[in-house]
Amino acid sequence: MALSKKLLSRDEVVVRHMRTHVKVLLWRVLLEVVVLVAAVAGSVLAPQSWRPWGLVALWALAAVVSLPLLLLPWLRWYTDTYTITTRRVITRSGILRRTGHDLPLSRISDVQQDKDLNDRFFGCGTLILQTSSDDPLLLRDVPHVEAVQVEIANLLFNDVQGAVQGAADLAPRR
């Protein structure tokens, strides 16, 4: 869900729009594979007397298990976004009820990153945006956290062109 252009002020440019790192879904995907393998094994090994309604019940159970296991976390991941513009940092989250936070760049006094071993393996981390009110904004599981930190630092030092250019230069190559 990209940020709508009508939510931007005049002369405001989106530097980076992102979701949390997909690693937050990794264990859920692996568990979903286990559920599907179990459902297939159950279908193959089911006695003939179970057919057809026993198989329908088995796959209905697999679908019911899959909903909270993978579908809802995926929707949560898909709808939670971080956006950095030339004037502010915007967070939006929620599936049915949307919540958001807009932090003007002028209120940021310090930009820190935190990466544990797991984050280093996946190339993400937590970005800590310290404000003058000592109420930091934590952006968790930010992909390419170093590049995002550099972009925000460039914006804080009024190097808008450097931040926009840095976003293009530091973007992952595919």
C-alpha atoms as a PDB file:
ATOM      1  CA  MET A   1       0.000   0.000   0.000  1.00  0.00           C
ATOM      2  CA  ALA A   2       1.872   3.017  -1.261  1.00  0.00           C
ATOM      3  CA  LEU A   3       1.394   6.380   0.361  1.00  0.00           C
ATOM      4  CA  SER A   4      -1.133   8.471  -1.548  1.00  0.00           C
ATOM      5  CA  LYS A   5       0.255  11.561  -3.266  1.00  0.00           C
ATOM      6  CA  LYS A   6      -2.605  13.618  -1.852  1.00  0.00           C
ATOM      7  CA  LEU A   7      -1.170  13.063   1.656  1.00  0.00           C
ATOM      8  CA  LEU A   8       2.062  14.836   0.712  1.00  0.00           C
ATOM      9  CA  SER A   9       2.495  18.556   1.038  1.00  0.00           C
ATOM     10  CA  ARG A  10       3.584  20.735  -1.845  1.00  0.00           C
ATOM     11  CA  ASP A  11       7.272  20.206  -2.702  1.00  0.00           C
ATOM     12  CA  GLU A  12       7.415  17.084  -0.515  1.00  0.00           C
ATOM     13  CA  VAL A  13       9.064  14.094  -2.192  1.00  0.00           C
ATOM     14  CA  VAL A  14       9.018  10.442  -1.134  1.00  0.00           C
ATOM     15  CA  VAL A  15      12.625   9.343  -0.596  1.00  0.00           C
ATOM     16  CA  ARG A  16      11.859   5.745   0.419  1.00  0.00           C
ATOM     17  CA  HIS A  17       8.688   3.739   0.936  1.00  0.00           C
ATOM     18  CA  MET A  18       9.113   0.319   2.550  1.00  0.00           C
ATOM     19  CA  ARG A  19       7.654  -2.456   4.620  1.00  0.00           C
ATOM     20  CA  THR A  20       9.350  -4.338   7.411  1.00  0.00           C
ATOM     21  CA  HIS A  21      11.762  -7.030   6.309  1.00  0.00           C
ATOM     22  CA  VAL A  22      10.081 -10.177   5.051  1.00  0.00           C
ATOM     23  CA  LYS A  23      11.969 -12.165   7.716  1.00  0.00           C
ATOM     24  CA  VAL A  24       9.031 -11.549  10.037  1.00  0.00           C
ATOM     25  CA  LEU A  25       7.079 -14.071   7.937  1.00  0.00           C
ATOM     26  CA  LEU A  26       9.817 -16.702   7.589  1.00  0.00           C
ATOM     27  CA  TRP A  27       8.803 -18.997  10.471  1.00  0.00           C
ATOM     28  CA  ARG A  28       5.160 -18.642   9.527  1.00  0.00           C
ATOM     29  CA  VAL A  29       5.888 -19.746   5.959  1.00  0.00           C
ATOM     30  CA  LEU A  30       7.833 -22.755   7.225  1.00  0.00           C
ATOM     31  CA  LEU A  31       4.975 -23.730   9.549  1.00  0.00           C
ATOM     32  CA  GLU A  32       2.524 -23.330   6.683  1.00  0.00           C
ATOM     33  CA  VAL A  33       4.622 -25.749   4.613  1.00  0.00           C
ATOM     34  CA  VAL A  34       4.408 -28.243   7.492  1.00  0.00           C
ATOM     35  CA  VAL A  35       0.605 -27.819   7.600  1.00  0.00           C
ATOM     36  CA  LEU A  36       0.337 -28.389   3.847  1.00  0.00           C
ATOM     37  CA  VAL A  37       2.617 -31.444   3.961  1.00  0.00           C
ATOM     38  CA  ALA A  38       0.520 -32.872   6.804  1.00  0.00           C
ATOM     39  CA  ALA A  39      -2.695 -32.235   4.830  1.00  0.00           C
ATOM     40  CA  VAL A  40      -1.280 -33.908   1.720  1.00  0.00           C
ATOM     41  CA  ALA A  41      -0.004 -36.856   3.778  1.00  0.00           C
ATOM     42  CA  GLY A  42      -3.395 -37.133   5.461  1.00  0.00           C
ATOM     43  CA  SER A  43      -5.133 -37.107   2.072  1.00  0.00           C
ATOM     44  CA  VAL A  44      -2.884 -39.841   0.706  1.00  0.00           C
ATOM     45  CA  LEU A  45      -2.981 -42.022   3.810  1.00  0.00           C
ATOM     46  CA  ALA A  46      -6.684 -41.555   4.596  1.00  0.00           C
ATOM     47  CA  PRO A  47      -8.732 -44.761   4.490  1.00  0.00           C
ATOM     48  CA  GLN A  48     -11.178 -45.171   1.627  1.00  0.00           C
ATOM     49  CA  SER A  49     -14.097 -44.933   4.063  1.00  0.00           C
ATOM     50  CA  TRP A  50     -13.217 -41.257   4.747  1.00  0.00           C
ATOM     51  CA  ARG A  51     -13.778 -40.227   1.153  1.00  0.00           C
ATOM     52  CA  PRO A  52     -15.039 -37.688   0.143  1.00  0.00           C
ATOM     53  CA  TRP A  53     -16.211 -35.883   3.307  1.00  0.00           C
ATOM     54  CA  GLY A  54     -13.253 -36.830   5.459  1.00  0.00           C
ATOM     55  CA  LEU A  55     -10.890 -35.250   2.933  1.00  0.00           C
ATOM     56  CA  VAL A  56     -13.056 -32.148   2.733  1.00  0.00           C
ATOM     57  CA  ALA A  57     -12.925 -31.869   6.529  1.00  0.00           C
ATOM     58  CA  LEU A  58      -9.159 -32.400   6.515  1.00  0.00           C
ATOM     59  CA  TRP A  59      -8.557 -29.620   3.981  1.00  0.00           C
ATOM     60  CA  ALA A  60     -11.071 -27.345   5.744  1.00  0.00           C
ATOM     61  CA  LEU A  61      -9.072 -27.846   8.937  1.00  0.00           C
ATOM     62  CA  ALA A  62      -5.855 -27.007   7.060  1.00  0.00           C
ATOM     63  CA  ALA A  63      -7.492 -23.830   5.726  1.00  0.00           C
ATOM     64  CA  VAL A  64      -8.731 -22.834   9.206  1.00  0.00           C
ATOM     65  CA  VAL A  65      -5.238 -23.354  10.638  1.00  0.00           C
ATOM     66  CA  SER A  66      -3.673 -21.389   7.765  1.00  0.00           C
ATOM     67  CA  LEU A  67      -5.774 -18.279   8.367  1.00  0.00           C
ATOM     68  CA  PRO A  68      -4.207 -17.198  11.684  1.00  0.00           C
ATOM     69  CA  LEU A  69      -0.927 -18.915  10.899  1.00  0.00           C
ATOM     70  CA  LEU A  70      -0.046 -17.176   7.636  1.00  0.00           C
ATOM     71  CA  LEU A  71      -2.810 -15.075   6.093  1.00  0.00           C
ATOM     72  CA  LEU A  72      -3.376 -12.609   8.944  1.00  0.00           C
ATOM     73  CA  PRO A  73       0.364 -12.079   9.624  1.00  0.00           C
ATOM     74  CA  TRP A  74       0.920 -11.556   5.899  1.00  0.00           C
ATOM     75  CA  LEU A  75      -1.872  -8.947   5.784  1.00  0.00           C
ATOM     76  CA  ARG A  76      -0.357  -7.244   8.832  1.00  0.00           C
ATOM     77  CA  TRP A  77       3.069  -7.227   7.140  1.00  0.00           C
ATOM     78  CA  TYR A  78       1.588  -5.939   3.871  1.00  0.00           C
ATOM     79  CA  THR A  79      -0.309  -3.063   5.484  1.00  0.00           C
ATOM     80  CA  ASP A  80       2.458  -1.885   7.855  1.00  0.00           C
ATOM     81  CA  THR A  81       4.629   0.658   6.038  1.00  0.00           C
ATOM     82  CA  TYR A  82       7.395   3.156   6.683  1.00  0.00           C
ATOM     83  CA  THR A  83       7.789   6.162   4.415  1.00  0.00           C
ATOM     84  CA  ILE A  84      10.586   8.709   4.454  1.00  0.00           C
ATOM     85  CA  THR A  85       9.946  11.975   2.675  1.00  0.00           C
ATOM     86  CA  THR A  86      11.970  15.137   2.377  1.00  0.00           C
ATOM     87  CA  ARG A  87      10.065  16.551   5.377  1.00  0.00           C
ATOM     88  CA  ARG A  88       8.974  13.708   7.664  1.00  0.00           C
ATOM     89  CA  VAL A  89       8.997  10.033   8.613  1.00  0.00           C
ATOM     90  CA  ILE A  90       5.570   8.427   8.243  1.00  0.00           C
ATOM     91  CA  THR A  91       4.420   5.119   9.713  1.00  0.00           C
ATOM     92  CA  ARG A  92       1.123   3.459   8.880  1.00  0.00           C
ATOM     93  CA  SER A  93      -0.172   0.163  10.262  1.00  0.00           C
ATOM     94  CA  GLY A  94      -3.333  -1.834  10.663  1.00  0.00           C
ATOM     95  CA  ILE A  95      -5.624  -4.033   8.617  1.00  0.00           C
ATOM     96  CA  LEU A  96      -9.104  -2.816   9.523  1.00  0.00           C
ATOM     97  CA  ARG A  97      -8.213   0.104  11.763  1.00  0.00           C
ATOM     98  CA  ARG A  98      -5.347   2.183  10.382  1.00  0.00           C
ATOM     99  CA  THR A  99      -3.025   4.016  12.748  1.00  0.00           C
ATOM    100  CA  GLY A 100      -0.164   6.257  11.848  1.00  0.00           C
ATOM    101  CA  HIS A 101       2.576   8.471  13.123  1.00  0.00           C
ATOM    102  CA  ASP A 102       4.134  11.432  11.341  1.00  0.00           C
ATOM    103  CA  LEU A 103       7.448  12.642  12.708  1.00  0.00           C
ATOM    104  CA  PRO A 104       8.765  15.871  11.187  1.00  0.00           C
ATOM    105  CA  LEU A 105      12.467  15.645  10.371  1.00  0.00           C
ATOM    106  CA  SER A 106      13.006  18.882  12.292  1.00  0.00           C
ATOM    107  CA  ARG A 107      12.123  17.058  15.536  1.00  0.00           C
ATOM    108  CA  ILE A 108      14.727  14.313  15.095  1.00  0.00           C
ATOM    109  CA  SER A 109      17.838  14.921  17.175  1.00  0.00           C
ATOM    110  CA  ASP A 110      19.599  11.574  16.725  1.00  0.00           C
ATOM    111  CA  VAL A 111      19.410   8.585  14.379  1.00  0.00           C
ATOM    112  CA  GLN A 112      20.651   5.232  15.668  1.00  0.00           C
ATOM    113  CA  GLN A 113      20.532   1.713  14.370  1.00  0.00           C
ATOM    114  CA  ASP A 114      20.464  -1.549  16.264  1.00  0.00           C
ATOM    115  CA  LYS A 115      21.236  -4.903  14.652  1.00  0.00           C
ATOM    116  CA  ASP A 116      21.432  -8.211  16.459  1.00  0.00           C
ATOM    117  CA  LEU A 117      22.953 -11.312  14.895  1.00  0.00           C
ATOM    118  CA  ASN A 118      19.655 -12.310  13.308  1.00  0.00           C
ATOM    119  CA  ASP A 119      19.242  -8.827  11.798  1.00  0.00           C
ATOM    120  CA  ARG A 120      22.797  -8.877  10.465  1.00  0.00           C
ATOM    121  CA  PHE A 121      22.143 -12.206   8.762  1.00  0.00           C
ATOM    122  CA  PHE A 122      19.034 -10.863   7.013  1.00  0.00           C
ATOM    123  CA  GLY A 123      20.392  -7.369   6.313  1.00  0.00           C
ATOM    124  CA  CYS A 124      17.891  -5.416   8.374  1.00  0.00           C
ATOM    125  CA  GLY A 125      17.711  -3.733  11.757  1.00  0.00           C
ATOM    126  CA  THR A 126      15.904  -1.343  14.063  1.00  0.00           C
ATOM    127  CA  LEU A 127      16.137   2.363  13.390  1.00  0.00           C
ATOM    128  CA  ILE A 128      15.825   4.539  16.496  1.00  0.00           C
ATOM    129  CA  LEU A 129      14.786   8.124  15.795  1.00  0.00           C
ATOM    130  CA  GLN A 130      15.396  10.156  18.939  1.00  0.00           C
ATOM    131  CA  THR A 131      13.354  13.308  19.413  1.00  0.00           C
ATOM    132  CA  SER A 132      13.879  16.242  21.714  1.00  0.00           C
ATOM    133  CA  SER A 133      11.032  14.979  23.913  1.00  0.00           C
ATOM    134  CA  ASP A 134      12.996  11.797  24.726  1.00  0.00           C
ATOM    135  CA  ASP A 135      10.261   9.717  23.135  1.00  0.00           C
ATOM    136  CA  PRO A 136      12.046   7.752  20.410  1.00  0.00           C
ATOM    137  CA  LEU A 137      10.283   6.366  17.368  1.00  0.00           C
ATOM    138  CA  LEU A 138      11.373   2.775  16.762  1.00  0.00           C
ATOM    139  CA  LEU A 139      11.194   1.442  13.237  1.00  0.00           C
ATOM    140  CA  ARG A 140      11.671  -2.309  13.603  1.00  0.00           C
ATOM    141  CA  ASP A 141      12.984  -4.717  10.964  1.00  0.00           C
ATOM    142  CA  VAL A 142      13.909  -1.974   8.490  1.00  0.00           C
ATOM    143  CA  PRO A 143      15.457  -3.511   5.353  1.00  0.00           C
ATOM    144  CA  HIS A 144      18.857  -2.016   4.423  1.00  0.00           C
ATOM    145  CA  VAL A 145      18.904  -0.086   7.695  1.00  0.00           C
ATOM    146  CA  GLU A 146      22.316   1.475   7.006  1.00  0.00           C
ATOM    147  CA  ALA A 147      21.098   3.015   3.740  1.00  0.00           C
ATOM    148  CA  VAL A 148      17.978   4.358   5.443  1.00  0.00           C
ATOM    149  CA  GLN A 149      20.078   5.843   8.248  1.00  0.00           C
ATOM    150  CA  VAL A 150      22.291   7.613   5.697  1.00  0.00           C
ATOM    151  CA  GLU A 151      19.242   8.947   3.842  1.00  0.00           C
ATOM    152  CA  ILE A 152      17.739  10.373   7.018  1.00  0.00           C
ATOM    153  CA  ALA A 153      21.096  11.898   8.021  1.00  0.00           C
ATOM    154  CA  ASN A 154      21.341  13.544   4.600  1.00  0.00           C
ATOM    155  CA  LEU A 155      17.838  14.929   5.014  1.00  0.00           C
ATOM    156  CA  LEU A 156      18.650  16.222   8.503  1.00  0.00           C
ATOM    157  CA  PHE A 157      21.638  18.094   7.115  1.00  0.00           C
ATOM    158  CA  ASN A 158      19.398  19.592   4.412  1.00  0.00           C
ATOM    159  CA  ASP A 159      21.030  17.535   1.667  1.00  0.00           C
ATOM    160  CA  VAL A 160      17.775  16.608  -0.033  1.00  0.00           C
ATOM    161  CA  GLN A 161      19.464  15.864  -3.349  1.00  0.00           C
ATOM    162  CA  GLY A 162      21.993  13.627  -1.589  1.00  0.00           C
ATOM    163  CA  ALA A 163      19.220  11.739   0.187  1.00  0.00           C
ATOM    164  CA  VAL A 164      17.228  11.220  -2.999  1.00  0.00           C
ATOM    165  CA  GLN A 165      20.364  10.284  -4.944  1.00  0.00           C
ATOM    166  CA  GLY A 166      21.563   8.112  -2.055  1.00  0.00           C
ATOM    167  CA  ALA A 167      18.273   6.228  -2.131  1.00  0.00           C
ATOM    168  CA  ALA A 168      18.944   5.364  -5.757  1.00  0.00           C
ATOM    169  CA  ASP A 169      22.632   4.534  -5.182  1.00  0.00           C
ATOM    170  CA  LEU A 170      22.145   2.465  -2.018  1.00  0.00           C
ATOM    171  CA  ALA A 171      19.087   0.570  -3.228  1.00  0.00           C
ATOM    172  CA  PRO A 172      19.706  -3.138  -3.524  1.00  0.00           C
ATOM    173  CA  ARG A 173      20.823  -4.262  -6.945  1.00  0.00           C
ATOM    174  CA  ARG A 174      18.820  -7.110  -8.470  1.00  0.00           C
END
